[in-house]
Amino acid sequence: MKDIIIVGGGHAGFEAATILSKTKNRILIITKNINSIGELSCNPSIGGLGKSNLVREVDSLGGYMGYLATKSSIQLKKISTSKGEAIQCTRSQINRKKYKKNTKIIFKKKNIKILQDEVLKLIIKNNRVVGVKTKNNSFLSRAVILTTGTFLNGKIHIGSIKYKEGRINEKNSSTLSKQLNYLIEPLKKLKTGTSPRISFKNIKFKNLKEHRGDFNPIPTLSGRYKISKNYKNMRCWTTKTTEKTKEIVKKSLKISPIYKNVINGNSPRYCPSIEDKIYRFYNNKKHNIFLEPDENNQIYLGGMSTCLNYKFQRLLLKSIIGLEGCEITRLGYSVEYDFLNPKNLKKSLESKKIKGLFFAGQINGTTGYEEAAGQGVVAGINSYLYVNSKKYWYPNKKNSYIGLMINDLTINGVTEPYRIFTKKSENKLNFREDNSSKRFFNVLKNLKFIMNFNLLKYKKKNIDDLINNININKNIIKQIYLYFKYKNYIKIQNFSLKKKKSIKNFKLMNVNFFKIKNLSKEISEKLNKEKPKNIKDILKIKTIKNDSFKIILNYFKKLI
């Protein structure tokens, strides 16, 4: 008998396992393909806006994604540097082979066993999970973590061709999907996609815009990995679509699986297919395409996700600046899959209906390696606490992006693949990429010495000189500098949050909504009829749109 079984070896499953490897519990990972552990199924990069914050939080909690992403990187770059530190983020371009190779550390963990098999069914007794049934055997356990990614009833679409696969050339899991439909509630569908790869040959690089990584300092996604002085940043490039691209997409919509309603699942709003991008924003003359070095002398085309057939993918690519003579090595495709409504989960990521059953990753309606990793850590920690009869732990939306994500998922649910963004947080000045350790462990609480100079006198460009001339850890100096820089802004932010909370609870007694200027007659009539008791009640009225709500909010702000 095992203590905990993890179903799936993707990023959520891997992070759950590595967290549990630090315990004395006996862990079994069951995956359909032992060679796919650590697979970067889509783009070969980790980090970016909001996502790098998640990765640094995973790193602070003892997870591995940031460590492996830095160790396996071919380019490290700081993004949004023209904005404040709260918005700045790190992006790591990855060598896929290195990343997969580096995840093999999981095979060396003494308390973890890995089995290649397919889980067909959960074994449930008295609304408690007690094990799993696979194709070849049955295994008892005290807890189970499901991290099935896009494999639950997954279907791949390339033009009119469909495959029952969760990833290209890897069969889906339909039997387990049927049981979850019965056990918890009918599952819904989402859709995601990946871009075509092209050969490094025949690309007109002179017509592309080149992007290099950062040096002095080289940014990192982990506080635990020391970057070598000999590290070399490889080049990436960007190009743009053309008017010809738009015309090809326009013609292709007649046969596109998305627009023929062959695919029913909603796609990621912030990572749309090229068909969606051009259809929704047809007036835009050009769209950016990112060329990212990939394994076997290939180039991954970021921003070019598509599920069109070979003919149209070829025409599309040849219409793009610099790619006129390119050769496709791997077609882009879409995958439609089942997911669980995360409102059925506790914040520990345990099922509300089945004790000891935890969920993490795309099965909860998220998209992205980073979101999966964050959930994997939380599910791993709480499965350990469950089997050891301890109180659950999870970060909250006031101290982390992981907590914000879990709150969004479990309270609001999802209707499209969920992606983290800094703008989702009202507390983003505190949720910086560089202070994740402080937020989780209050590392800087022990710093009770008084600086005899004002760091704010130093301009940003002089901070490195200051650090080099003072015999104190560089990160500590930076944290103190940012503390003073944001101190007053954070006070204003916290005051705004308190005021917002008091406004929501503000009691509306005998309000005549016709007195609110700029509010439409229709909305005023609706509100006078409904007689909301507070602002929260107004939020529940579906016909009240954002613009009307802002007018109402501003009116009551003056009364508080």
Protein backbone atom coordinates (compact mmCIF):
# COMPACT_ATOMS: atom_id res chain seq x y z
CA MET A 1 0.00 0.00 0.00
CA LYS A 2 1.18 3.53 -0.89
CA ASP A 3 0.52 6.70 1.05
CA ILE A 4 -0.12 8.90 -1.98
CA ILE A 5 -0.62 8.09 -5.68
CA ILE A 6 -0.03 10.80 -8.27
CA VAL A 7 -1.77 10.24 -11.62
CA GLY A 8 0.18 11.99 -14.38
CA GLY A 9 3.77 13.12 -14.80
CA GLY A 10 3.31 16.63 -16.20
CA HIS A 11 4.33 19.84 -14.44
CA ALA A 12 1.63 19.61 -11.76
CA GLY A 13 2.42 15.95 -11.04
CA PHE A 14 6.17 16.56 -11.06
CA GLU A 15 5.96 19.45 -8.56
CA ALA A 16 3.58 17.52 -6.29
CA ALA A 17 6.03 14.58 -6.32
CA THR A 18 9.16 16.65 -5.64
CA ILE A 19 7.46 18.36 -2.67
CA LEU A 20 6.41 14.94 -1.32
CA SER A 21 9.93 13.57 -1.85
CA LYS A 22 10.97 15.66 1.17
CA THR A 23 8.67 13.58 3.41
CA LYS A 24 8.80 9.98 4.65
CA ASN A 25 5.59 9.07 2.83
CA ARG A 26 5.62 6.39 0.14
CA ILE A 27 4.71 7.90 -3.23
CA LEU A 28 3.71 6.22 -6.50
CA ILE A 29 3.56 8.17 -9.78
CA ILE A 30 1.52 6.47 -12.50
CA THR A 31 2.00 7.95 -15.97
CA LYS A 32 1.02 6.73 -19.43
CA ASN A 33 4.47 7.47 -20.81
CA ILE A 34 7.49 7.44 -18.52
CA ASN A 35 9.52 9.26 -21.21
CA SER A 36 7.15 12.25 -21.18
CA ILE A 37 7.88 13.39 -17.62
CA GLY A 38 8.92 17.05 -17.81
CA GLU A 39 7.61 17.44 -21.36
CA LEU A 40 7.18 21.05 -22.55
CA SER A 41 4.21 20.26 -24.78
CA CYS A 42 3.75 23.74 -26.19
CA ASN A 43 6.22 26.64 -26.27
CA PRO A 44 9.80 26.09 -25.06
CA SER A 45 9.74 28.88 -22.47
CA ILE A 46 8.84 29.47 -18.83
CA GLY A 47 8.00 32.73 -17.05
CA GLY A 48 6.67 36.00 -18.40
CA LEU A 49 4.07 38.45 -17.13
CA GLY A 50 2.52 37.15 -13.91
CA LYS A 51 3.84 33.67 -14.61
CA SER A 52 7.36 34.41 -13.38
CA ASN A 53 5.83 35.49 -10.06
CA LEU A 54 4.19 32.06 -9.79
CA VAL A 55 7.49 30.35 -10.59
CA ARG A 56 9.38 32.31 -7.93
CA GLU A 57 6.69 31.43 -5.38
CA VAL A 58 7.00 27.74 -6.33
CA ASP A 59 10.75 28.12 -5.86
CA SER A 60 10.29 29.70 -2.41
CA LEU A 61 8.09 26.78 -1.37
CA GLY A 62 10.74 24.25 -2.38
CA GLY A 63 9.46 23.45 -5.89
CA TYR A 64 11.72 22.86 -8.88
CA MET A 65 10.29 24.69 -11.91
CA GLY A 66 12.33 27.90 -11.49
CA TYR A 67 15.50 25.93 -10.71
CA LEU A 68 15.12 23.70 -13.79
CA ALA A 69 14.02 26.58 -16.04
CA THR A 70 17.16 28.54 -15.15
CA LYS A 71 19.45 25.52 -15.36
CA SER A 72 18.01 24.52 -18.78
CA SER A 73 17.78 28.01 -20.26
CA ILE A 74 19.26 29.19 -23.53
CA GLN A 75 18.14 32.79 -22.98
CA LEU A 76 17.20 34.72 -19.85
CA LYS A 77 15.55 38.10 -20.23
CA LYS A 78 13.85 40.69 -18.04
CA ILE A 79 10.55 41.91 -19.48
CA SER A 80 8.59 45.16 -18.91
CA THR A 81 11.71 46.93 -17.59
CA SER A 82 10.22 50.33 -18.49
CA LYS A 83 7.62 49.73 -15.75
CA GLY A 84 7.97 49.40 -11.99
CA GLU A 85 9.42 46.36 -10.22
CA ALA A 86 5.93 45.08 -9.37
CA ILE A 87 5.25 44.51 -13.09
CA GLN A 88 8.73 43.44 -14.20
CA CYS A 89 9.19 39.74 -14.86
CA THR A 90 11.74 37.19 -16.08
CA ARG A 91 11.34 34.90 -19.06
CA SER A 92 13.49 31.85 -19.66
CA GLN A 93 13.84 30.37 -23.13
CA ILE A 94 14.35 26.63 -22.62
CA ASN A 95 16.32 23.83 -24.19
CA ARG A 96 13.59 21.14 -24.17
CA LYS A 97 16.00 18.19 -24.07
CA LYS A 98 17.92 19.69 -21.14
CA TYR A 99 14.73 20.42 -19.22
CA LYS A 100 13.46 16.85 -19.63
CA LYS A 101 16.86 15.47 -18.74
CA ASN A 102 17.01 17.63 -15.61
CA THR A 103 13.59 16.42 -14.45
CA LYS A 104 15.07 12.91 -14.17
CA ILE A 105 16.05 13.85 -10.61
CA ILE A 106 12.62 12.47 -9.75
CA PHE A 107 13.87 8.94 -10.49
CA LYS A 108 16.54 9.30 -7.80
CA LYS A 109 14.13 10.11 -4.95
CA LYS A 110 14.15 7.19 -2.50
CA ASN A 111 10.50 7.37 -1.44
CA ILE A 112 9.12 7.70 -5.00
CA LYS A 113 8.32 4.88 -7.42
CA ILE A 114 7.33 5.54 -11.02
CA LEU A 115 5.14 3.20 -13.08
CA GLN A 116 4.13 3.38 -16.75
CA ASP A 117 0.48 2.38 -16.86
CA GLU A 118 -2.98 3.90 -17.43
CA VAL A 119 -5.35 4.64 -14.55
CA LEU A 120 -8.85 3.53 -15.55
CA LYS A 121 -10.72 4.03 -12.32
CA LEU A 122 -10.55 5.44 -8.80
CA ILE A 123 -11.36 3.04 -5.97
CA ILE A 124 -13.86 4.78 -3.68
CA LYS A 125 -15.28 3.59 -0.34
CA ASN A 126 -17.67 5.67 1.77
CA ASN A 127 -16.91 8.82 -0.25
CA ARG A 128 -13.19 8.38 0.38
CA VAL A 129 -10.55 7.48 -2.21
CA VAL A 130 -8.62 4.32 -1.26
CA GLY A 131 -6.67 3.61 -4.44
CA VAL A 132 -6.74 3.27 -8.22
CA LYS A 133 -7.36 0.54 -10.78
CA THR A 134 -5.03 0.55 -13.78
CA LYS A 135 -4.99 -1.44 -17.01
CA ASN A 136 -2.70 -4.00 -15.44
CA ASN A 137 -3.20 -3.88 -11.68
CA SER A 138 -4.83 -2.23 -8.65
CA PHE A 139 -3.03 -0.09 -6.07
CA LEU A 140 -4.30 0.95 -2.65
CA SER A 141 -3.39 4.32 -1.16
CA ARG A 142 -4.53 6.83 1.44
CA ALA A 143 -4.72 9.77 -1.02
CA VAL A 144 -4.71 10.36 -4.79
CA ILE A 145 -3.69 13.47 -6.76
CA LEU A 146 -5.11 13.72 -10.30
CA THR A 147 -2.87 15.73 -12.67
CA THR A 148 -4.16 14.47 -16.02
CA GLY A 149 -3.45 17.59 -18.11
CA THR A 150 -5.25 17.52 -21.47
CA PHE A 151 -5.64 13.73 -21.50
CA LEU A 152 -9.20 13.39 -20.09
CA ASN A 153 -11.17 12.47 -23.20
CA GLY A 154 -8.68 14.52 -25.22
CA LYS A 155 -9.16 14.98 -28.97
CA ILE A 156 -6.58 16.47 -31.30
CA HIS A 157 -7.80 18.47 -34.32
CA ILE A 158 -5.78 19.19 -37.48
CA GLY A 159 -8.19 20.41 -40.14
CA SER A 160 -10.95 17.80 -40.56
CA ILE A 161 -8.77 15.05 -39.03
CA LYS A 162 -9.40 14.03 -35.39
CA TYR A 163 -7.32 11.82 -33.10
CA LYS A 164 -8.33 10.46 -29.69
CA GLU A 165 -5.14 11.74 -28.09
CA GLY A 166 -4.23 14.04 -25.21
CA ARG A 167 -0.95 15.05 -26.83
CA ILE A 168 0.26 14.27 -30.33
CA ASN A 169 0.91 10.51 -30.65
CA GLU A 170 -0.21 9.83 -27.04
CA LYS A 171 -3.59 8.13 -26.47
CA ASN A 172 -6.22 9.87 -24.32
CA SER A 173 -7.95 8.69 -21.11
CA SER A 174 -11.67 8.25 -21.72
CA THR A 175 -12.59 5.64 -19.06
CA LEU A 176 -11.45 7.76 -16.10
CA SER A 177 -13.32 10.74 -17.56
CA LYS A 178 -16.59 8.75 -17.53
CA GLN A 179 -16.14 7.84 -13.85
CA LEU A 180 -15.46 11.47 -12.84
CA ASN A 181 -18.62 12.51 -14.71
CA TYR A 182 -20.56 10.12 -12.49
CA LEU A 183 -18.67 10.69 -9.21
CA ILE A 184 -18.55 14.47 -9.06
CA GLU A 185 -20.55 16.17 -11.83
CA PRO A 186 -20.68 16.26 -15.65
CA LEU A 187 -17.30 17.48 -16.90
CA LYS A 188 -17.07 20.39 -19.33
CA LYS A 189 -14.70 20.98 -22.23
CA LEU A 190 -11.89 23.43 -22.91
CA LYS A 191 -9.58 23.83 -25.86
CA THR A 192 -5.93 24.74 -26.17
CA GLY A 193 -3.47 24.62 -29.02
CA THR A 194 0.12 24.70 -30.11
CA SER A 195 2.01 26.33 -32.98
CA PRO A 196 3.77 24.69 -35.92
CA ARG A 197 7.54 24.17 -35.88
CA ILE A 198 9.69 25.00 -38.88
CA SER A 199 13.21 24.14 -39.95
CA PHE A 200 16.01 26.55 -39.06
CA LYS A 201 16.93 26.45 -42.74
CA ASN A 202 15.48 28.83 -45.37
CA ILE A 203 14.50 31.54 -42.88
CA LYS A 204 15.45 35.07 -43.94
CA PHE A 205 16.83 36.17 -40.57
CA LYS A 206 17.99 39.51 -42.01
CA ASN A 207 14.30 40.46 -42.39
CA LEU A 208 13.53 39.64 -38.75
CA LYS A 209 14.03 41.66 -35.58
CA GLU A 210 16.65 40.09 -33.31
CA HIS A 211 16.27 39.82 -29.52
CA ARG A 212 19.11 38.99 -27.15
CA GLY A 213 19.02 38.02 -23.50
CA ASP A 214 20.20 40.15 -20.58
CA PHE A 215 23.68 40.33 -19.10
CA ASN A 216 25.08 42.11 -16.05
CA PRO A 217 23.09 40.96 -14.27
CA ILE A 218 21.62 37.83 -15.82
CA PRO A 219 18.07 37.46 -14.43
CA THR A 220 16.97 34.19 -12.83
CA LEU A 221 13.78 32.32 -11.96
CA SER A 222 15.32 30.65 -8.92
CA GLY A 223 17.02 31.83 -5.77
CA ARG A 224 18.69 28.40 -5.52
CA TYR A 225 20.53 28.13 -8.84
CA LYS A 226 23.78 29.98 -9.43
CA ILE A 227 24.28 30.94 -13.06
CA SER A 228 27.71 30.18 -14.52
CA LYS A 229 29.96 33.08 -15.55
CA ASN A 230 30.33 31.33 -18.92
CA TYR A 231 26.57 31.32 -19.56
CA LYS A 232 25.69 32.31 -23.14
CA ASN A 233 22.37 33.87 -24.13
CA MET A 234 21.12 32.64 -27.51
CA ARG A 235 19.20 34.82 -29.93
CA CYS A 236 15.43 34.91 -30.55
CA TRP A 237 13.56 36.86 -33.24
CA THR A 238 10.21 38.46 -33.99
CA THR A 239 8.40 39.00 -37.27
CA LYS A 240 4.93 40.10 -38.35
CA THR A 241 1.96 38.83 -40.31
CA THR A 242 0.90 40.64 -43.51
CA GLU A 243 -2.29 41.61 -45.34
CA LYS A 244 -1.86 38.37 -47.29
CA THR A 245 -1.98 36.44 -44.01
CA LYS A 246 -5.35 38.04 -43.21
CA GLU A 247 -6.78 37.04 -46.56
CA ILE A 248 -5.61 33.43 -46.17
CA VAL A 249 -7.18 33.20 -42.70
CA LYS A 250 -10.42 34.69 -44.06
CA LYS A 251 -10.59 31.93 -46.69
CA SER A 252 -9.67 29.24 -44.18
CA LEU A 253 -12.54 29.98 -41.76
CA LYS A 254 -14.95 27.94 -43.92
CA ILE A 255 -13.04 24.76 -43.07
CA SER A 256 -11.60 25.70 -39.65
CA PRO A 257 -12.68 23.21 -36.91
CA ILE A 258 -13.13 26.19 -34.56
CA TYR A 259 -15.53 28.10 -36.83
CA LYS A 260 -17.37 25.01 -38.09
CA ASN A 261 -18.27 24.29 -34.41
CA VAL A 262 -16.43 20.97 -34.54
CA ILE A 263 -14.55 22.09 -31.40
CA ASN A 264 -16.91 23.03 -28.56
CA GLY A 265 -14.43 23.90 -25.78
CA ASN A 266 -13.57 27.56 -25.09
CA SER A 267 -10.00 28.56 -25.94
CA PRO A 268 -7.55 30.71 -23.93
CA ARG A 269 -8.50 34.40 -24.30
CA TYR A 270 -4.89 35.55 -23.95
CA CYS A 271 -3.33 32.92 -26.18
CA PRO A 272 -5.71 32.75 -29.15
CA SER A 273 -5.14 30.82 -32.36
CA ILE A 274 -3.99 32.83 -35.38
CA GLU A 275 -7.49 32.30 -36.83
CA ASP A 276 -9.09 33.81 -33.71
CA LYS A 277 -6.54 36.61 -33.53
CA ILE A 278 -7.15 37.79 -37.10
CA TYR A 279 -10.92 37.21 -37.00
CA ARG A 280 -11.39 39.16 -33.73
CA PHE A 281 -8.93 41.94 -34.57
CA TYR A 282 -9.35 42.12 -38.34
CA ASN A 283 -8.66 45.85 -38.43
CA ASN A 284 -5.15 45.27 -37.05
CA LYS A 285 -2.78 45.41 -40.01
CA LYS A 286 -0.14 43.14 -38.44
CA HIS A 287 0.30 40.66 -35.57
CA ASN A 288 3.59 39.70 -33.90
CA ILE A 289 5.07 36.22 -34.36
CA PHE A 290 7.93 35.07 -32.09
CA LEU A 291 10.66 32.75 -33.36
CA GLU A 292 12.09 30.66 -30.52
CA PRO A 293 14.97 28.17 -30.98
CA ASP A 294 13.77 24.59 -30.44
CA GLU A 295 15.34 21.12 -30.42
CA ASN A 296 16.69 19.41 -33.57
CA ASN A 297 17.38 22.69 -35.41
CA GLN A 298 13.73 23.68 -35.32
CA ILE A 299 12.05 27.02 -34.61
CA TYR A 300 8.88 27.27 -32.51
CA LEU A 301 6.51 30.00 -33.72
CA GLY A 302 4.98 31.73 -30.70
CA GLY A 303 1.69 33.49 -31.42
CA MET A 304 0.96 31.14 -34.33
CA SER A 305 -1.25 28.51 -32.67
CA THR A 306 -3.53 26.91 -35.27
CA CYS A 307 -5.52 23.79 -36.08
CA LEU A 308 -5.89 24.36 -39.82
CA ASN A 309 -4.94 21.63 -42.30
CA TYR A 310 -1.48 21.26 -43.85
CA LYS A 311 -2.35 23.27 -46.96
CA PHE A 312 -3.51 26.34 -45.04
CA GLN A 313 -0.75 26.15 -42.42
CA ARG A 314 1.80 26.15 -45.26
CA LEU A 315 0.13 29.11 -47.00
CA LEU A 316 -0.08 31.05 -43.72
CA LEU A 317 3.58 30.58 -42.88
CA LYS A 318 4.79 31.58 -46.35
CA SER A 319 2.77 34.81 -46.09
CA ILE A 320 4.77 35.96 -43.03
CA ILE A 321 7.78 38.29 -43.34
CA GLY A 322 11.03 36.29 -43.48
CA LEU A 323 9.28 32.89 -43.65
CA GLU A 324 8.47 32.90 -47.36
CA GLY A 325 10.70 29.88 -48.03
CA CYS A 326 10.24 28.03 -44.72
CA GLU A 327 9.73 24.27 -44.30
CA ILE A 328 7.21 22.86 -41.79
CA THR A 329 8.69 20.15 -39.56
CA ARG A 330 5.66 19.71 -37.27
CA LEU A 331 2.09 20.91 -37.76
CA GLY A 332 0.27 23.00 -35.19
CA TYR A 333 -2.84 21.45 -33.66
CA SER A 334 -5.66 22.02 -31.16
CA VAL A 335 -6.59 19.69 -28.33
CA GLU A 336 -10.07 19.61 -26.79
CA TYR A 337 -10.34 17.97 -23.38
CA ASP A 338 -12.54 17.47 -20.30
CA PHE A 339 -12.00 19.46 -17.12
CA LEU A 340 -13.52 19.59 -13.65
CA ASN A 341 -15.35 22.69 -12.42
CA PRO A 342 -12.85 23.88 -9.75
CA LYS A 343 -15.74 25.25 -7.65
CA ASN A 344 -16.05 21.59 -6.58
CA LEU A 345 -12.69 21.92 -4.78
CA LYS A 346 -11.65 23.19 -1.37
CA LYS A 347 -8.78 25.70 -1.30
CA SER A 348 -6.54 22.79 -0.34
CA LEU A 349 -7.42 21.46 -3.86
CA GLU A 350 -9.17 18.46 -2.28
CA SER A 351 -12.54 17.44 -3.73
CA LYS A 352 -15.55 18.60 -1.70
CA LYS A 353 -17.25 15.27 -2.44
CA ILE A 354 -14.48 12.65 -2.24
CA LYS A 355 -12.10 12.75 0.74
CA GLY A 356 -8.41 12.31 0.00
CA LEU A 357 -8.85 13.12 -3.71
CA PHE A 358 -6.84 16.14 -4.90
CA PHE A 359 -6.73 17.85 -8.32
CA ALA A 360 -4.00 20.00 -9.88
CA GLY A 361 -3.23 21.51 -13.28
CA GLN A 362 -5.27 21.68 -16.48
CA ILE A 363 -7.88 19.31 -15.07
CA ASN A 364 -8.91 22.35 -12.96
CA GLY A 365 -9.35 24.57 -16.02
CA THR A 366 -6.00 26.38 -16.04
CA THR A 367 -3.55 26.87 -18.87
CA GLY A 368 0.25 27.07 -18.71
CA TYR A 369 3.15 25.21 -17.14
CA GLU A 370 3.48 27.78 -14.35
CA GLU A 371 -0.15 27.63 -13.19
CA ALA A 372 0.08 23.81 -13.14
CA ALA A 373 3.28 23.88 -11.08
CA GLY A 374 1.76 26.21 -8.47
CA GLN A 375 -1.24 23.92 -8.03
CA GLY A 376 0.99 20.84 -7.91
CA VAL A 377 2.91 22.24 -4.94
CA VAL A 378 -0.30 23.04 -3.02
CA ALA A 379 -1.89 19.65 -3.81
CA GLY A 380 1.34 17.89 -2.77
CA ILE A 381 1.56 19.74 0.55
CA ASN A 382 -2.10 19.12 1.41
CA SER A 383 -2.11 15.45 0.41
CA TYR A 384 0.74 15.01 2.91
CA LEU A 385 -1.19 16.92 5.58
CA TYR A 386 -4.28 14.80 4.85
CA VAL A 387 -2.58 11.41 5.22
CA ASN A 388 -0.84 12.63 8.38
CA SER A 389 -4.08 13.98 9.91
CA LYS A 390 -2.83 17.57 10.02
CA LYS A 391 -4.58 20.86 9.31
CA TYR A 392 -4.56 21.95 5.65
CA TRP A 393 -2.34 24.83 4.49
CA TYR A 394 -2.68 27.00 1.42
CA PRO A 395 -1.53 30.50 0.49
CA ASN A 396 -4.22 33.19 0.27
CA LYS A 397 -4.89 35.94 -2.23
CA LYS A 398 -3.47 38.54 0.19
CA ASN A 399 0.05 37.09 0.19
CA SER A 400 0.65 35.38 -3.17
CA TYR A 401 -0.31 34.83 -6.79
CA ILE A 402 -0.71 31.09 -6.08
CA GLY A 403 -3.28 32.02 -3.42
CA LEU A 404 -4.97 34.44 -5.81
CA MET A 405 -5.17 31.75 -8.51
CA ILE A 406 -6.64 29.15 -6.13
CA ASN A 407 -9.14 31.68 -4.80
CA ASP A 408 -10.23 32.58 -8.36
CA LEU A 409 -10.59 28.92 -9.34
CA THR A 410 -12.45 27.65 -6.29
CA ILE A 411 -14.71 30.69 -5.78
CA ASN A 412 -15.39 31.87 -9.35
CA GLY A 413 -14.81 28.72 -11.40
CA VAL A 414 -13.77 29.03 -15.06
CA THR A 415 -15.48 29.32 -18.43
CA GLU A 416 -12.21 29.51 -20.38
CA PRO A 417 -8.64 28.35 -19.65
CA TYR A 418 -7.41 30.36 -16.65
CA ARG A 419 -4.19 32.37 -16.89
CA ILE A 420 -2.58 34.42 -14.12
CA PHE A 421 -1.88 38.13 -14.66
CA THR A 422 -0.43 40.81 -12.38
CA LYS A 423 -3.50 42.97 -13.07
CA LYS A 424 -5.70 40.34 -11.38
CA SER A 425 -4.18 41.30 -8.02
CA GLU A 426 -5.28 44.36 -6.05
CA ASN A 427 -2.14 43.85 -3.98
CA LYS A 428 0.42 43.69 -6.81
CA LEU A 429 2.85 46.20 -5.27
CA ASN A 430 3.50 43.58 -2.57
CA PHE A 431 3.49 40.58 -4.95
CA ARG A 432 6.77 41.28 -6.71
CA GLU A 433 8.83 38.59 -8.40
CA ASP A 434 11.82 39.45 -6.19
CA ASN A 435 10.15 39.17 -2.75
CA SER A 436 8.39 35.78 -2.85
CA SER A 437 10.60 34.40 -0.06
CA LYS A 438 9.80 37.37 2.16
CA ARG A 439 6.07 36.96 1.59
CA PHE A 440 6.12 33.28 2.48
CA PHE A 441 8.74 33.21 5.22
CA ASN A 442 9.19 36.82 6.34
CA VAL A 443 12.93 36.53 5.78
CA LEU A 444 13.47 40.26 6.23
CA LYS A 445 11.82 40.43 9.66
CA ASN A 446 15.22 39.78 11.20
CA LEU A 447 16.70 42.85 9.54
CA LYS A 448 16.40 45.34 12.40
CA PHE A 449 19.40 47.49 11.68
CA ILE A 450 18.92 51.13 10.71
CA MET A 451 20.46 52.43 7.53
CA ASN A 452 22.26 55.76 8.10
CA PHE A 453 21.47 56.95 4.60
CA ASN A 454 18.35 57.27 2.47
CA LEU A 455 18.34 54.75 -0.37
CA LEU A 456 15.79 56.81 -2.24
CA LYS A 457 18.49 59.42 -2.90
CA TYR A 458 20.03 56.92 -5.28
CA LYS A 459 18.64 56.73 -8.77
CA LYS A 460 17.91 53.29 -10.19
CA LYS A 461 21.05 53.28 -12.35
CA ASN A 462 23.23 53.90 -9.27
CA ILE A 463 21.77 51.08 -7.17
CA ASP A 464 24.27 48.51 -8.54
CA ASP A 465 27.17 50.80 -7.56
CA LEU A 466 25.70 51.16 -4.09
CA ILE A 467 25.34 47.37 -3.71
CA ASN A 468 28.94 46.79 -4.81
CA ASN A 469 30.26 49.26 -2.23
CA ILE A 470 28.43 47.88 0.81
CA ASN A 471 29.32 44.59 2.44
CA ILE A 472 25.71 43.29 2.67
CA ASN A 473 23.92 40.65 0.60
CA LYS A 474 22.80 42.18 -2.71
CA ASN A 475 19.24 40.89 -2.46
CA ILE A 476 18.84 42.38 1.03
CA ILE A 477 19.97 45.82 -0.22
CA LYS A 478 17.53 45.59 -3.12
CA GLN A 479 14.67 44.59 -0.82
CA ILE A 480 15.36 47.56 1.48
CA TYR A 481 15.52 49.91 -1.51
CA LEU A 482 12.20 48.60 -2.85
CA TYR A 483 10.65 48.73 0.62
CA PHE A 484 11.34 52.47 0.89
CA LYS A 485 10.44 53.07 -2.74
CA TYR A 486 7.00 51.44 -2.45
CA LYS A 487 6.29 52.18 1.22
CA ASN A 488 3.92 55.12 0.64
CA TYR A 489 2.35 53.56 -2.46
CA ILE A 490 1.57 50.38 -0.49
CA LYS A 491 -0.07 52.47 2.25
CA ILE A 492 -2.27 54.10 -0.40
CA GLN A 493 -3.00 50.70 -1.96
CA ASN A 494 -3.95 49.17 1.40
CA PHE A 495 -6.11 52.19 2.25
CA SER A 496 -7.90 51.81 -1.12
CA LEU A 497 -8.51 48.10 -0.44
CA LYS A 498 -9.99 48.86 3.01
CA LYS A 499 -12.15 51.60 1.52
CA LYS A 500 -13.30 49.29 -1.25
CA LYS A 501 -14.30 46.68 1.34
CA SER A 502 -16.22 49.25 3.39
CA ILE A 503 -17.97 50.47 0.22
CA LYS A 504 -19.09 46.92 -0.61
CA ASN A 505 -20.62 46.56 2.85
CA PHE A 506 -22.06 50.10 2.89
CA LYS A 507 -25.79 49.85 3.59
CA LEU A 508 -28.09 51.46 1.03
CA MET A 509 -31.11 52.83 2.88
CA ASN A 510 -33.95 54.38 0.83
CA VAL A 511 -31.64 55.42 -2.01
CA ASN A 512 -33.25 57.09 -5.01
CA PHE A 513 -31.01 55.96 -7.87
CA PHE A 514 -32.50 58.59 -10.19
CA LYS A 515 -30.39 61.13 -8.27
CA ILE A 516 -27.15 59.58 -9.51
CA LYS A 517 -25.94 61.66 -12.45
CA ASN A 518 -24.96 59.96 -15.74
CA LEU A 519 -26.77 56.74 -14.76
CA SER A 520 -29.18 55.63 -17.48
CA LYS A 521 -32.93 55.73 -16.83
CA GLU A 522 -33.16 51.99 -17.49
CA ILE A 523 -30.51 51.14 -14.83
CA SER A 524 -32.00 53.60 -12.31
CA GLU A 525 -35.45 52.02 -12.74
CA LYS A 526 -33.97 48.53 -12.34
CA LEU A 527 -32.16 49.48 -9.12
CA ASN A 528 -35.14 51.27 -7.59
CA LYS A 529 -37.23 48.17 -8.31
CA GLU A 530 -34.65 45.66 -6.94
CA LYS A 531 -33.88 47.79 -3.82
CA PRO A 532 -30.34 46.40 -3.20
CA LYS A 533 -29.30 46.47 0.48
CA ASN A 534 -25.57 47.04 -0.25
CA ILE A 535 -23.03 47.27 -3.08
CA LYS A 536 -22.59 43.48 -3.05
CA ASP A 537 -26.26 43.13 -4.03
CA ILE A 538 -25.70 45.47 -6.98
CA LEU A 539 -22.84 43.26 -8.18
CA LYS A 540 -25.28 40.32 -8.33
CA ILE A 541 -27.58 42.10 -10.82
CA LYS A 542 -26.43 40.75 -14.21
CA THR A 543 -27.70 43.71 -16.27
CA ILE A 544 -25.40 46.15 -14.42
CA LYS A 545 -22.33 46.52 -16.64
CA ASN A 546 -18.89 47.84 -15.62
CA ASP A 547 -19.47 51.43 -16.80
CA SER A 548 -22.72 51.76 -14.83
CA PHE A 549 -21.17 50.14 -11.77
CA LYS A 550 -18.26 52.64 -11.78
CA ILE A 551 -20.72 55.54 -11.81
CA ILE A 552 -22.60 54.05 -8.84
CA LEU A 553 -19.34 53.32 -6.99
CA ASN A 554 -18.02 56.86 -7.43
CA TYR A 555 -21.31 58.27 -6.12
CA PHE A 556 -21.15 56.26 -2.88
CA LYS A 557 -17.42 56.89 -2.38
CA LYS A 558 -18.33 60.52 -1.68
CA LEU A 559 -20.75 59.45 1.06
CA ILE A 560 -18.18 57.41 3.04
